[in-house]
Amino acid sequence: MPTIALHQKYRPKTLAELVGQPYVQTTLTNAIDRMHIAPAYLFTGSRGTGKTSTARIFAKSLNCLSFDGPTDEPCGTCQSCRSIEASNSLDVSEIDAASNNGVDDARSLIERSSLAPVQGRYRIFILDEAHQLTTQSQNALLKCIEEPPPHVVFILCTTEVHKVLPTIVSRCQVFHFRALSIQTIAQHLREVADAEAIAVEEEALMAIARLAEGGLRDALQLLGQVGLLGEAVTANHVIEMTGGVTETDLLAILDAIATNDTFQLLQLARSLVDSGKTPKLILN
């Protein structure tokens, strides 16, 4: 049986499980509880911060069949929830805007939006990497996003909101997914490591969190990778596996700079480059 990657295994299943996005969690939960469902949402933020996962959770919340109406705690077991999780729902379409970005694709989406839901309450269109849509296709979608049928919800996800037309942005409820703090990521990694029986030092978790640059998905992927070493994971393990510079080497570089020892600094730099380190990694 194939092993499930950590970032997939520990993907949040409800809004309450979102990590490091309290504003998003609270606002969407209240929107569901008060039945203030907007026709269009725009989720923006850096990679791995939970945009697409939140879009899927929101879709399940709106269409969960175990309740009489939308819920902030979808059951995950009804036919609607399971089909959304398996990406084969007839009512929820997840579209890669990078490869479906033309005017014809936009027109096809508009035609599909006119169809009534087959099973759930809403037809939901999740457009991943929405900034990849051409200007022409964004303009084609504009009217549909502004005044969609009452059973339709659009969720646009993007890492580059400045590439989305202002006319599109102004018609969406915009949610900013912030980069997670190093401490927040490290704390979540500790919970996952304990659950997976991965022996890892706190300094190693902090190193992973720093390398993830605010993205929990990247952090979980790296934890899964170093967890395969078969021994207690240290910060040096993490640094070596990612091609970084160890603390010992870094201190030697700083000492050479502090003492203005150009010859020693060049020797250290040459040694690191010869061992496969790039100048960018050394500077980082």
C-alpha atoms as a PDB file:
ATOM      1  CA  MET A   1       0.000   0.000   0.000  1.00  0.00           C
ATOM      2  CA  PRO A   2       1.538   3.356  -1.034  1.00  0.00           C
ATOM      3  CA  THR A   3       2.489   5.784   1.719  1.00  0.00           C
ATOM      4  CA  ILE A   4       0.565   9.063   1.824  1.00  0.00           C
ATOM      5  CA  ALA A   5       2.754  12.178   1.831  1.00  0.00           C
ATOM      6  CA  LEU A   6       2.586  14.108   5.099  1.00  0.00           C
ATOM      7  CA  HIS A   7       1.221  17.282   3.512  1.00  0.00           C
ATOM      8  CA  GLN A   8      -1.659  15.238   2.099  1.00  0.00           C
ATOM      9  CA  LYS A   9      -2.222  13.098   5.180  1.00  0.00           C
ATOM     10  CA  TYR A  10      -2.411  16.138   7.461  1.00  0.00           C
ATOM     11  CA  ARG A  11      -4.324  18.421   5.113  1.00  0.00           C
ATOM     12  CA  PRO A  12      -7.051  20.180   7.171  1.00  0.00           C
ATOM     13  CA  LYS A  13     -10.537  18.702   6.821  1.00  0.00           C
ATOM     14  CA  THR A  14     -12.516  21.480   8.538  1.00  0.00           C
ATOM     15  CA  LEU A  15     -12.097  25.221   9.017  1.00  0.00           C
ATOM     16  CA  ALA A  16     -11.241  24.596  12.675  1.00  0.00           C
ATOM     17  CA  GLU A  17      -8.176  22.619  11.569  1.00  0.00           C
ATOM     18  CA  LEU A  18      -6.664  25.477   9.541  1.00  0.00           C
ATOM     19  CA  VAL A  19      -3.209  26.405  10.828  1.00  0.00           C
ATOM     20  CA  GLY A  20      -2.122  30.013  11.225  1.00  0.00           C
ATOM     21  CA  GLN A  21      -5.091  31.662   9.487  1.00  0.00           C
ATOM     22  CA  PRO A  22      -7.413  32.819  12.316  1.00  0.00           C
ATOM     23  CA  TYR A  23      -8.979  35.661  10.327  1.00  0.00           C
ATOM     24  CA  VAL A  24      -9.877  33.373   7.430  1.00  0.00           C
ATOM     25  CA  GLN A  25     -11.143  30.674   9.777  1.00  0.00           C
ATOM     26  CA  THR A  26     -13.385  32.988  11.805  1.00  0.00           C
ATOM     27  CA  THR A  27     -14.807  34.938   8.874  1.00  0.00           C
ATOM     28  CA  LEU A  28     -15.710  31.905   6.768  1.00  0.00           C
ATOM     29  CA  THR A  29     -17.173  30.105   9.792  1.00  0.00           C
ATOM     30  CA  ASN A  30     -19.399  33.089  10.567  1.00  0.00           C
ATOM     31  CA  ALA A  31     -20.392  33.411   6.911  1.00  0.00           C
ATOM     32  CA  ILE A  32     -21.610  29.807   6.948  1.00  0.00           C
ATOM     33  CA  ASP A  33     -23.366  30.110  10.306  1.00  0.00           C
ATOM     34  CA  ARG A  34     -25.188  33.279   9.200  1.00  0.00           C
ATOM     35  CA  MET A  35     -25.780  32.050   5.632  1.00  0.00           C
ATOM     36  CA  HIS A  36     -23.965  35.041   4.152  1.00  0.00           C
ATOM     37  CA  ILE A  37     -22.568  33.161   1.163  1.00  0.00           C
ATOM     38  CA  ALA A  38     -20.969  35.434  -1.434  1.00  0.00           C
ATOM     39  CA  PRO A  39     -21.076  34.578  -5.146  1.00  0.00           C
ATOM     40  CA  ALA A  40     -17.300  34.937  -5.500  1.00  0.00           C
ATOM     41  CA  TYR A  41     -14.241  34.648  -3.271  1.00  0.00           C
ATOM     42  CA  LEU A  42     -10.588  35.423  -3.918  1.00  0.00           C
ATOM     43  CA  PHE A  43      -8.000  33.608  -1.799  1.00  0.00           C
ATOM     44  CA  THR A  44      -4.568  35.189  -2.123  1.00  0.00           C
ATOM     45  CA  GLY A  45      -1.248  34.464  -0.437  1.00  0.00           C
ATOM     46  CA  SER A  46       2.117  32.787  -0.864  1.00  0.00           C
ATOM     47  CA  ARG A  47       2.460  29.115  -1.735  1.00  0.00           C
ATOM     48  CA  GLY A  48       1.574  26.453   0.801  1.00  0.00           C
ATOM     49  CA  THR A  49      -0.472  28.681   3.114  1.00  0.00           C
ATOM     50  CA  GLY A  50      -3.762  26.797   2.715  1.00  0.00           C
ATOM     51  CA  LYS A  51      -5.661  28.548  -0.080  1.00  0.00           C
ATOM     52  CA  THR A  52      -6.698  25.501  -2.110  1.00  0.00           C
ATOM     53  CA  SER A  53      -7.266  23.382   1.002  1.00  0.00           C
ATOM     54  CA  THR A  54      -9.567  26.073   2.381  1.00  0.00           C
ATOM     55  CA  ALA A  55     -11.437  26.254  -0.920  1.00  0.00           C
ATOM     56  CA  ARG A  56     -12.084  22.492  -0.753  1.00  0.00           C
ATOM     57  CA  ILE A  57     -13.172  22.701   2.886  1.00  0.00           C
ATOM     58  CA  PHE A  58     -15.531  25.561   2.060  1.00  0.00           C
ATOM     59  CA  ALA A  59     -16.974  23.571  -0.846  1.00  0.00           C
ATOM     60  CA  LYS A  60     -17.596  20.598   1.446  1.00  0.00           C
ATOM     61  CA  SER A  61     -19.119  22.901   4.050  1.00  0.00           C
ATOM     62  CA  LEU A  62     -21.610  24.275   1.540  1.00  0.00           C
ATOM     63  CA  ASN A  63     -22.589  20.916   0.052  1.00  0.00           C
ATOM     64  CA  CYS A  64     -22.343  18.444   2.961  1.00  0.00           C
ATOM     65  CA  LEU A  65     -25.403  16.183   2.838  1.00  0.00           C
ATOM     66  CA  SER A  66     -25.350  15.189   6.514  1.00  0.00           C
ATOM     67  CA  PHE A  67     -26.942  18.491   7.524  1.00  0.00           C
ATOM     68  CA  ASP A  68     -30.023  20.404   6.418  1.00  0.00           C
ATOM     69  CA  GLY A  69     -27.890  23.342   5.333  1.00  0.00           C
ATOM     70  CA  PRO A  70     -24.284  24.518   5.058  1.00  0.00           C
ATOM     71  CA  THR A  71     -22.100  23.668   8.053  1.00  0.00           C
ATOM     72  CA  ASP A  72     -18.669  24.716   9.261  1.00  0.00           C
ATOM     73  CA  GLU A  73     -17.973  21.086  10.216  1.00  0.00           C
ATOM     74  CA  PRO A  74     -18.577  18.930   7.115  1.00  0.00           C
ATOM     75  CA  CYS A  75     -18.892  15.250   7.966  1.00  0.00           C
ATOM     76  CA  GLY A  76     -16.316  14.024   5.459  1.00  0.00           C
ATOM     77  CA  THR A  77     -18.232  10.772   5.002  1.00  0.00           C
ATOM     78  CA  CYS A  78     -21.329  11.623   2.945  1.00  0.00           C
ATOM     79  CA  GLN A  79     -21.269  11.114  -0.806  1.00  0.00           C
ATOM     80  CA  SER A  80     -20.800  14.815  -1.477  1.00  0.00           C
ATOM     81  CA  CYS A  81     -17.856  15.204   0.932  1.00  0.00           C
ATOM     82  CA  ARG A  82     -16.182  12.040  -0.323  1.00  0.00           C
ATOM     83  CA  SER A  83     -16.528  13.013  -3.972  1.00  0.00           C
ATOM     84  CA  ILE A  84     -15.070  16.466  -3.305  1.00  0.00           C
ATOM     85  CA  GLU A  85     -12.158  14.896  -1.410  1.00  0.00           C
ATOM     86  CA  ALA A  86     -11.592  12.501  -4.324  1.00  0.00           C
ATOM     87  CA  SER A  87     -11.812  15.354  -6.873  1.00  0.00           C
ATOM     88  CA  ASN A  88     -14.631  13.672  -8.795  1.00  0.00           C
ATOM     89  CA  SER A  89     -17.615  15.695  -7.606  1.00  0.00           C
ATOM     90  CA  LEU A  90     -20.229  16.613 -10.208  1.00  0.00           C
ATOM     91  CA  ASP A  91     -20.995  19.843  -8.352  1.00  0.00           C
ATOM     92  CA  VAL A  92     -17.497  21.024  -7.435  1.00  0.00           C
ATOM     93  CA  SER A  93     -15.013  21.639 -10.241  1.00  0.00           C
ATOM     94  CA  GLU A  94     -11.369  22.351  -9.466  1.00  0.00           C
ATOM     95  CA  ILE A  95      -9.846  24.017 -12.514  1.00  0.00           C
ATOM     96  CA  ASP A  96      -6.151  24.569 -13.180  1.00  0.00           C
ATOM     97  CA  ALA A  97      -6.199  28.059 -14.650  1.00  0.00           C
ATOM     98  CA  ALA A  98      -2.622  27.665 -15.878  1.00  0.00           C
ATOM     99  CA  SER A  99      -3.674  25.098 -18.485  1.00  0.00           C
ATOM    100  CA  ASN A 100      -7.301  26.208 -18.955  1.00  0.00           C
ATOM    101  CA  ASN A 101      -6.759  29.917 -19.372  1.00  0.00           C
ATOM    102  CA  GLY A 102      -8.233  30.780 -22.762  1.00  0.00           C
ATOM    103  CA  VAL A 103     -11.433  32.529 -23.773  1.00  0.00           C
ATOM    104  CA  ASP A 104     -12.964  29.230 -24.927  1.00  0.00           C
ATOM    105  CA  ASP A 105     -12.252  27.744 -21.482  1.00  0.00           C
ATOM    106  CA  ALA A 106     -13.959  30.728 -19.861  1.00  0.00           C
ATOM    107  CA  ARG A 107     -17.000  30.364 -22.097  1.00  0.00           C
ATOM    108  CA  SER A 108     -17.207  26.654 -21.305  1.00  0.00           C
ATOM    109  CA  LEU A 109     -17.120  27.460 -17.590  1.00  0.00           C
ATOM    110  CA  ILE A 110     -19.907  30.020 -18.023  1.00  0.00           C
ATOM    111  CA  GLU A 111     -22.051  27.426 -19.800  1.00  0.00           C
ATOM    112  CA  ARG A 112     -21.459  24.888 -17.023  1.00  0.00           C
ATOM    113  CA  SER A 113     -22.398  27.431 -14.374  1.00  0.00           C
ATOM    114  CA  SER A 114     -25.906  27.621 -15.794  1.00  0.00           C
ATOM    115  CA  LEU A 115     -26.535  23.964 -14.902  1.00  0.00           C
ATOM    116  CA  ALA A 116     -28.290  23.163 -11.638  1.00  0.00           C
ATOM    117  CA  PRO A 117     -26.406  21.205  -8.947  1.00  0.00           C
ATOM    118  CA  VAL A 118     -26.679  17.447  -9.343  1.00  0.00           C
ATOM    119  CA  GLN A 119     -26.341  16.470  -5.708  1.00  0.00           C
ATOM    120  CA  GLY A 120     -25.448  19.353  -3.425  1.00  0.00           C
ATOM    121  CA  ARG A 121     -26.814  22.839  -2.863  1.00  0.00           C
ATOM    122  CA  TYR A 122     -24.294  24.730  -4.978  1.00  0.00           C
ATOM    123  CA  ARG A 123     -22.211  24.386  -8.098  1.00  0.00           C
ATOM    124  CA  ILE A 124     -18.760  25.520  -7.005  1.00  0.00           C
ATOM    125  CA  PHE A 125     -15.863  26.418  -9.279  1.00  0.00           C
ATOM    126  CA  ILE A 126     -12.386  26.532  -7.732  1.00  0.00           C
ATOM    127  CA  LEU A 127      -9.937  28.281 -10.058  1.00  0.00           C
ATOM    128  CA  ASP A 128      -6.400  27.482  -8.937  1.00  0.00           C
ATOM    129  CA  GLU A 129      -3.628  29.880 -10.022  1.00  0.00           C
ATOM    130  CA  ALA A 130      -6.307  32.306 -11.221  1.00  0.00           C
ATOM    131  CA  HIS A 131      -3.699  34.897 -12.203  1.00  0.00           C
ATOM    132  CA  GLN A 132      -2.766  32.621 -15.116  1.00  0.00           C
ATOM    133  CA  LEU A 133      -6.049  33.422 -16.849  1.00  0.00           C
ATOM    134  CA  THR A 134      -5.519  35.665 -19.852  1.00  0.00           C
ATOM    135  CA  THR A 135      -6.912  39.183 -19.793  1.00  0.00           C
ATOM    136  CA  GLN A 136      -9.459  38.158 -22.409  1.00  0.00           C
ATOM    137  CA  SER A 137     -10.660  35.161 -20.382  1.00  0.00           C
ATOM    138  CA  GLN A 138     -10.887  37.255 -17.208  1.00  0.00           C
ATOM    139  CA  ASN A 139     -12.999  39.791 -19.060  1.00  0.00           C
ATOM    140  CA  ALA A 140     -15.204  36.979 -20.372  1.00  0.00           C
ATOM    141  CA  LEU A 141     -15.780  35.744 -16.801  1.00  0.00           C
ATOM    142  CA  LEU A 142     -16.417  39.195 -15.379  1.00  0.00           C
ATOM    143  CA  LYS A 143     -20.187  39.326 -15.860  1.00  0.00           C
ATOM    144  CA  CYS A 144     -20.670  35.753 -14.641  1.00  0.00           C
ATOM    145  CA  ILE A 145     -18.653  36.420 -11.480  1.00  0.00           C
ATOM    146  CA  GLU A 146     -20.560  39.634 -10.825  1.00  0.00           C
ATOM    147  CA  GLU A 147     -24.020  38.141 -11.316  1.00  0.00           C
ATOM    148  CA  PRO A 148     -23.831  34.345 -11.265  1.00  0.00           C
ATOM    149  CA  PRO A 149     -26.880  32.098 -10.904  1.00  0.00           C
ATOM    150  CA  PRO A 150     -27.973  31.858  -7.246  1.00  0.00           C
ATOM    151  CA  HIS A 151     -26.651  28.300  -6.970  1.00  0.00           C
ATOM    152  CA  VAL A 152     -23.105  29.154  -8.139  1.00  0.00           C
ATOM    153  CA  VAL A 153     -20.035  30.061  -6.067  1.00  0.00           C
ATOM    154  CA  PHE A 154     -16.650  30.963  -7.554  1.00  0.00           C
ATOM    155  CA  ILE A 155     -13.448  30.586  -5.519  1.00  0.00           C
ATOM    156  CA  LEU A 156     -10.332  32.034  -7.147  1.00  0.00           C
ATOM    157  CA  CYS A 157      -6.954  31.089  -5.643  1.00  0.00           C
ATOM    158  CA  THR A 158      -3.790  32.969  -6.545  1.00  0.00           C
ATOM    159  CA  THR A 159      -0.249  33.632  -5.399  1.00  0.00           C
ATOM    160  CA  GLU A 160      -0.044  36.777  -7.570  1.00  0.00           C
ATOM    161  CA  VAL A 161      -3.147  38.854  -6.972  1.00  0.00           C
ATOM    162  CA  HIS A 162      -1.628  41.848  -8.792  1.00  0.00           C
ATOM    163  CA  LYS A 163      -2.071  39.902 -12.050  1.00  0.00           C
ATOM    164  CA  VAL A 164      -5.816  39.536 -11.516  1.00  0.00           C
ATOM    165  CA  LEU A 165      -7.878  42.313 -13.100  1.00  0.00           C
ATOM    166  CA  PRO A 166      -8.998  44.935 -10.556  1.00  0.00           C
ATOM    167  CA  THR A 167     -12.525  44.555 -11.932  1.00  0.00           C
ATOM    168  CA  ILE A 168     -12.430  40.864 -10.936  1.00  0.00           C
ATOM    169  CA  VAL A 169     -10.943  41.579  -7.504  1.00  0.00           C
ATOM    170  CA  SER A 170     -13.574  44.217  -6.730  1.00  0.00           C
ATOM    171  CA  ARG A 171     -16.346  41.682  -7.312  1.00  0.00           C
ATOM    172  CA  CYS A 172     -14.915  39.107  -4.901  1.00  0.00           C
ATOM    173  CA  GLN A 173     -14.661  38.791  -1.162  1.00  0.00           C
ATOM    174  CA  VAL A 174     -10.889  38.846  -0.744  1.00  0.00           C
ATOM    175  CA  PHE A 175      -9.134  36.715   1.882  1.00  0.00           C
ATOM    176  CA  HIS A 176      -5.420  37.215   2.465  1.00  0.00           C
ATOM    177  CA  PHE A 177      -3.595  34.067   3.591  1.00  0.00           C
ATOM    178  CA  ARG A 178      -0.571  35.232   5.519  1.00  0.00           C
ATOM    179  CA  ALA A 179       2.767  33.459   5.636  1.00  0.00           C
ATOM    180  CA  LEU A 180       2.964  31.357   8.789  1.00  0.00           C
ATOM    181  CA  SER A 181       5.443  32.288  11.504  1.00  0.00           C
ATOM    182  CA  ILE A 182       8.441  30.059  12.128  1.00  0.00           C
ATOM    183  CA  GLN A 183       7.113  29.238  15.595  1.00  0.00           C
ATOM    184  CA  THR A 184       3.664  28.273  14.271  1.00  0.00           C
ATOM    185  CA  ILE A 185       5.163  25.975  11.646  1.00  0.00           C
ATOM    186  CA  ALA A 186       7.603  24.393  14.108  1.00  0.00           C
ATOM    187  CA  GLN A 187       4.814  23.745  16.614  1.00  0.00           C
ATOM    188  CA  HIS A 188       2.673  22.012  13.974  1.00  0.00           C
ATOM    189  CA  LEU A 189       5.669  19.996  12.777  1.00  0.00           C
ATOM    190  CA  ARG A 190       6.227  18.778  16.330  1.00  0.00           C
ATOM    191  CA  GLU A 191       2.630  17.525  16.505  1.00  0.00           C
ATOM    192  CA  VAL A 192       3.004  15.710  13.186  1.00  0.00           C
ATOM    193  CA  ALA A 193       6.433  14.293  14.081  1.00  0.00           C
ATOM    194  CA  ASP A 194       5.081  12.910  17.357  1.00  0.00           C
ATOM    195  CA  ALA A 195       2.070  11.392  15.594  1.00  0.00           C
ATOM    196  CA  GLU A 196       4.344   9.778  12.996  1.00  0.00           C
ATOM    197  CA  ALA A 197       6.983   8.676  15.543  1.00  0.00           C
ATOM    198  CA  ILE A 198       9.671  10.728  13.788  1.00  0.00           C
ATOM    199  CA  ALA A 199      12.587  11.434  16.128  1.00  0.00           C
ATOM    200  CA  VAL A 200      13.606  15.024  15.446  1.00  0.00           C
ATOM    201  CA  GLU A 201      15.328  17.702  17.502  1.00  0.00           C
ATOM    202  CA  GLU A 202      13.671  21.071  18.121  1.00  0.00           C
ATOM    203  CA  GLU A 203      16.506  22.862  16.314  1.00  0.00           C
ATOM    204  CA  ALA A 204      15.843  20.690  13.275  1.00  0.00           C
ATOM    205  CA  LEU A 205      12.168  21.650  13.321  1.00  0.00           C
ATOM    206  CA  MET A 206      13.120  25.317  13.538  1.00  0.00           C
ATOM    207  CA  ALA A 207      15.505  24.866  10.602  1.00  0.00           C
ATOM    208  CA  ILE A 208      12.732  23.271   8.535  1.00  0.00           C
ATOM    209  CA  ALA A 209      10.340  26.066   9.499  1.00  0.00           C
ATOM    210  CA  ARG A 210      12.817  28.733   8.405  1.00  0.00           C
ATOM    211  CA  LEU A 211      13.456  26.998   5.080  1.00  0.00           C
ATOM    212  CA  ALA A 212       9.703  26.737   4.398  1.00  0.00           C
ATOM    213  CA  GLU A 213       9.459  30.540   4.123  1.00  0.00           C
ATOM    214  CA  GLY A 214       5.992  30.684   5.657  1.00  0.00           C
ATOM    215  CA  GLY A 215       4.517  27.724   3.775  1.00  0.00           C
ATOM    216  CA  LEU A 216       3.282  24.781   5.830  1.00  0.00           C
ATOM    217  CA  ARG A 217       3.067  22.450   2.831  1.00  0.00           C
ATOM    218  CA  ASP A 218       6.775  22.833   2.043  1.00  0.00           C
ATOM    219  CA  ALA A 219       7.611  22.280   5.713  1.00  0.00           C
ATOM    220  CA  LEU A 220       5.631  19.033   5.869  1.00  0.00           C
ATOM    221  CA  GLN A 221       7.223  17.793   2.662  1.00  0.00           C
ATOM    222  CA  LEU A 222      10.699  18.422   4.072  1.00  0.00           C
ATOM    223  CA  LEU A 223       9.798  16.777   7.394  1.00  0.00           C
ATOM    224  CA  GLY A 224       8.663  13.685   5.504  1.00  0.00           C
ATOM    225  CA  GLN A 225      11.934  13.651   3.599  1.00  0.00           C
ATOM    226  CA  VAL A 226      14.271  13.961   6.592  1.00  0.00           C
ATOM    227  CA  GLY A 227      12.089  11.502   8.509  1.00  0.00           C
ATOM    228  CA  LEU A 228      13.301   8.783   6.152  1.00  0.00           C
ATOM    229  CA  LEU A 229      16.874   9.055   7.437  1.00  0.00           C
ATOM    230  CA  GLY A 230      16.171   6.370  10.027  1.00  0.00           C
ATOM    231  CA  GLU A 231      17.886   8.228  12.865  1.00  0.00           C
ATOM    232  CA  ALA A 232      17.219  11.191  15.131  1.00  0.00           C
ATOM    233  CA  VAL A 233      17.055  14.219  12.844  1.00  0.00           C
ATOM    234  CA  THR A 234      19.329  17.136  13.714  1.00  0.00           C
ATOM    235  CA  ALA A 235      19.554  20.653  12.320  1.00  0.00           C
ATOM    236  CA  ASN A 236      22.715  19.654  10.447  1.00  0.00           C
ATOM    237  CA  HIS A 237      20.797  16.835   8.731  1.00  0.00           C
ATOM    238  CA  VAL A 238      18.243  19.356   7.508  1.00  0.00           C
ATOM    239  CA  ILE A 239      20.900  21.793   6.357  1.00  0.00           C
ATOM    240  CA  GLU A 240      22.910  19.143   4.519  1.00  0.00           C
ATOM    241  CA  MET A 241      19.843  17.670   2.802  1.00  0.00           C
ATOM    242  CA  THR A 242      18.800  21.091   1.531  1.00  0.00           C
ATOM    243  CA  GLY A 243      22.286  22.113   0.442  1.00  0.00           C
ATOM    244  CA  GLY A 244      22.621  24.785   3.101  1.00  0.00           C
ATOM    245  CA  VAL A 245      25.565  25.909   5.207  1.00  0.00           C
ATOM    246  CA  THR A 246      26.114  24.456   8.685  1.00  0.00           C
ATOM    247  CA  GLU A 247      26.420  26.666  11.746  1.00  0.00           C
ATOM    248  CA  THR A 248      30.117  25.777  12.061  1.00  0.00           C
ATOM    249  CA  ASP A 249      30.843  26.928   8.509  1.00  0.00           C
ATOM    250  CA  LEU A 250      28.753  30.044   8.966  1.00  0.00           C
ATOM    251  CA  LEU A 251      30.600  31.022  12.150  1.00  0.00           C
ATOM    252  CA  ALA A 252      33.921  30.523  10.364  1.00  0.00           C
ATOM    253  CA  ILE A 253      32.757  32.847   7.577  1.00  0.00           C
ATOM    254  CA  LEU A 254      31.598  35.484  10.046  1.00  0.00           C
ATOM    255  CA  ASP A 255      34.905  35.243  11.915  1.00  0.00           C
ATOM    256  CA  ALA A 256      36.842  35.769   8.682  1.00  0.00           C
ATOM    257  CA  ILE A 257      34.708  38.817   7.900  1.00  0.00           C
ATOM    258  CA  ALA A 258      35.084  40.230  11.420  1.00  0.00           C
ATOM    259  CA  THR A 259      38.888  39.870  11.312  1.00  0.00           C
ATOM    260  CA  ASN A 260      39.079  41.146   7.731  1.00  0.00           C
ATOM    261  CA  ASP A 261      40.838  37.902   6.726  1.00  0.00           C
ATOM    262  CA  THR A 262      40.199  37.989   2.980  1.00  0.00           C
ATOM    263  CA  PHE A 263      42.391  34.968   2.259  1.00  0.00           C
ATOM    264  CA  GLN A 264      40.557  32.785   4.816  1.00  0.00           C
ATOM    265  CA  LEU A 265      37.182  34.024   3.571  1.00  0.00           C
ATOM    266  CA  LEU A 266      38.023  33.100  -0.019  1.00  0.00           C
ATOM    267  CA  GLN A 267      39.279  29.686   1.073  1.00  0.00           C
ATOM    268  CA  LEU A 268      36.065  29.004   2.986  1.00  0.00           C
ATOM    269  CA  ALA A 269      33.921  30.177   0.085  1.00  0.00           C
ATOM    270  CA  ARG A 270      35.861  28.028  -2.389  1.00  0.00           C
ATOM    271  CA  SER A 271      35.575  24.990  -0.122  1.00  0.00           C
ATOM    272  CA  LEU A 272      31.826  25.428   0.209  1.00  0.00           C
ATOM    273  CA  VAL A 273      31.306  25.926  -3.527  1.00  0.00           C
ATOM    274  CA  ASP A 274      33.453  22.866  -4.275  1.00  0.00           C
ATOM    275  CA  SER A 275      31.248  20.828  -1.924  1.00  0.00           C
ATOM    276  CA  GLY A 276      28.168  21.746  -3.944  1.00  0.00           C
ATOM    277  CA  LYS A 277      26.946  24.843  -2.120  1.00  0.00           C
ATOM    278  CA  THR A 278      25.761  27.700  -4.329  1.00  0.00           C
ATOM    279  CA  PRO A 279      26.641  31.327  -3.516  1.00  0.00           C
ATOM    280  CA  LYS A 280      22.931  32.026  -2.946  1.00  0.00           C
ATOM    281  CA  LEU A 281      22.655  29.255  -0.336  1.00  0.00           C
ATOM    282  CA  ILE A 282      25.824  30.466   1.369  1.00  0.00           C
ATOM    283  CA  LEU A 283      24.431  34.006   1.610  1.00  0.00           C
ATOM    284  CA  ASN A 284      21.072  32.746   2.874  1.00  0.00           C
END
